[in-house]
Protein backbone atom coordinates (compact mmCIF):
# COMPACT_ATOMS: atom_id res chain seq x y z
CA MET A 1 110.87 74.49 75.40
CA LYS A 2 109.52 77.87 74.61
CA VAL A 3 108.31 80.49 77.48
CA ARG A 4 105.31 82.87 77.27
CA VAL A 5 105.50 85.42 79.66
CA GLU A 6 102.94 88.21 81.11
CA ASP A 7 104.19 90.88 83.29
CA GLY A 8 107.04 88.66 84.60
CA ILE A 9 105.03 85.47 85.25
CA ILE A 10 105.28 82.56 83.49
CA LYS A 11 102.14 81.45 81.71
CA GLU A 12 103.33 78.38 79.52
CA ILE A 13 105.96 76.33 78.95
CA HIS A 14 106.22 73.72 76.11
CA LYS A 15 107.33 73.12 72.29
CA GLN A 16 104.01 74.23 70.62
CA ILE A 17 103.95 77.89 71.65
CA LYS A 18 104.11 80.21 68.63
CA PRO A 19 107.28 81.81 68.06
CA GLU A 20 105.65 85.00 68.19
CA LEU A 21 104.14 84.79 71.49
CA ALA A 22 107.47 83.19 73.37
CA GLU A 23 109.28 85.21 75.23
CA GLY A 24 112.41 82.72 75.52
CA GLU A 25 113.55 79.43 76.35
CA PHE A 26 113.17 77.22 79.81
CA ILE A 27 116.59 76.73 80.67
CA GLY A 28 115.35 73.89 82.72
CA ILE A 29 116.51 75.53 86.08
CA GLY A 30 113.84 76.43 88.52
CA LYS A 31 113.59 77.88 92.23
CA PHE A 32 110.68 76.80 94.73
CA VAL A 33 109.72 78.26 97.52
CA GLU A 34 108.73 76.02 100.13
CA ARG A 35 104.35 76.22 100.20
CA ASP A 36 105.27 75.12 96.57
CA LEU A 37 106.81 71.69 96.58
CA ASP A 38 103.83 69.70 97.74
CA CYS A 39 102.35 71.03 94.60
CA PHE A 40 105.92 70.42 92.53
CA LYS A 41 105.69 67.11 93.67
CA GLU A 42 102.45 66.02 92.37
CA CYS A 43 102.47 67.65 89.17
CA LEU A 44 106.00 65.42 88.62
CA GLU A 45 104.25 62.53 89.52
CA PHE A 46 101.10 62.88 87.50
CA GLY A 47 103.78 63.76 83.95
CA VAL A 48 105.73 60.49 85.12
CA HIS A 49 102.69 58.35 85.07
CA ASN A 50 100.90 60.10 82.21
CA GLY A 51 103.30 59.47 79.13
CA GLN A 52 105.89 62.44 80.20
CA SER A 53 108.74 60.48 81.45
CA ASN A 54 111.30 62.10 79.00
CA ASN A 55 109.61 65.85 79.63
CA TYR A 56 108.53 65.46 83.40
CA PHE A 57 110.16 68.81 84.65
CA GLU A 58 109.03 71.19 82.21
CA TYR A 59 105.48 69.90 82.21
CA ALA A 60 105.24 69.51 85.69
CA VAL A 61 106.38 73.46 85.54
CA ASN A 62 103.78 73.99 83.04
CA MET A 63 100.86 72.41 85.01
CA MET A 64 101.90 74.75 88.08
CA CYS A 65 101.35 77.35 85.83
CA MET A 66 97.68 77.56 85.70
CA ASP A 67 97.30 78.25 89.05
CA ARG A 68 100.83 79.74 90.94
CA GLU A 69 102.47 82.58 89.95
CA LEU A 70 106.08 81.52 88.75
CA TRP A 71 108.14 84.47 87.94
CA VAL A 72 110.59 84.79 85.32
CA LEU A 73 114.35 85.49 85.74
CA TYR A 74 116.24 86.49 82.64
CA THR A 75 119.70 85.55 81.52
CA ASP A 76 119.78 88.12 78.49
CA GLY A 77 123.58 88.29 78.18
CA LEU A 78 124.91 85.75 80.35
CA PRO A 79 127.14 83.11 79.09
CA GLY A 80 125.58 79.59 78.57
CA ILE A 81 125.62 76.53 77.01
CA GLU A 82 123.28 73.61 76.52
CA ILE A 83 124.49 70.29 77.93
CA ASP A 84 123.60 67.11 76.38
CA PHE A 85 126.54 64.78 76.09
CA PRO A 86 129.95 64.22 77.84
CA GLU A 87 132.12 66.32 75.05
CA ASP A 88 129.48 69.08 75.82
CA LEU A 89 130.19 68.77 79.41
CA ARG A 90 133.51 69.36 78.87
CA LYS A 91 133.41 72.24 76.37
CA ALA A 92 131.40 73.92 79.49
CA LYS A 93 134.53 73.62 81.53
CA ASP A 94 137.12 74.82 79.18
CA GLU A 95 135.05 77.55 77.39
CA LEU A 96 132.23 78.73 79.57
CA PHE A 97 133.51 78.67 82.98
CA VAL A 98 136.54 81.09 81.74
CA ASN A 99 133.81 83.15 80.17
CA ILE A 100 131.77 83.65 83.26
CA LEU A 101 134.63 84.50 85.48
CA GLU A 102 135.61 87.33 82.76
CA TYR A 103 131.77 88.38 83.35
CA LEU A 104 132.35 88.24 86.98
CA VAL A 105 135.12 90.26 87.15
């Protein structure tokens, strides 16, 4: 999922953002304050009930961007890996964990 950001605030999250407008990729991790939880829950439920069952999290966050300020946290330079399968998790444990420890020291 690409992300379009303006002044540190997420404006859009979806696959169709033109690359030249994208700030980066959404890594699928978010932290929400308590006052936004009801809205987030409603957006999640809306997505699940409207054909977004494989994409409900990003869909909900994208909906929230329309009327909430969601601030971006950049991960540039931090070690990372996409985990889709058990072998990805093993690779992350074997390689990434060591890199993270080196980064923190």
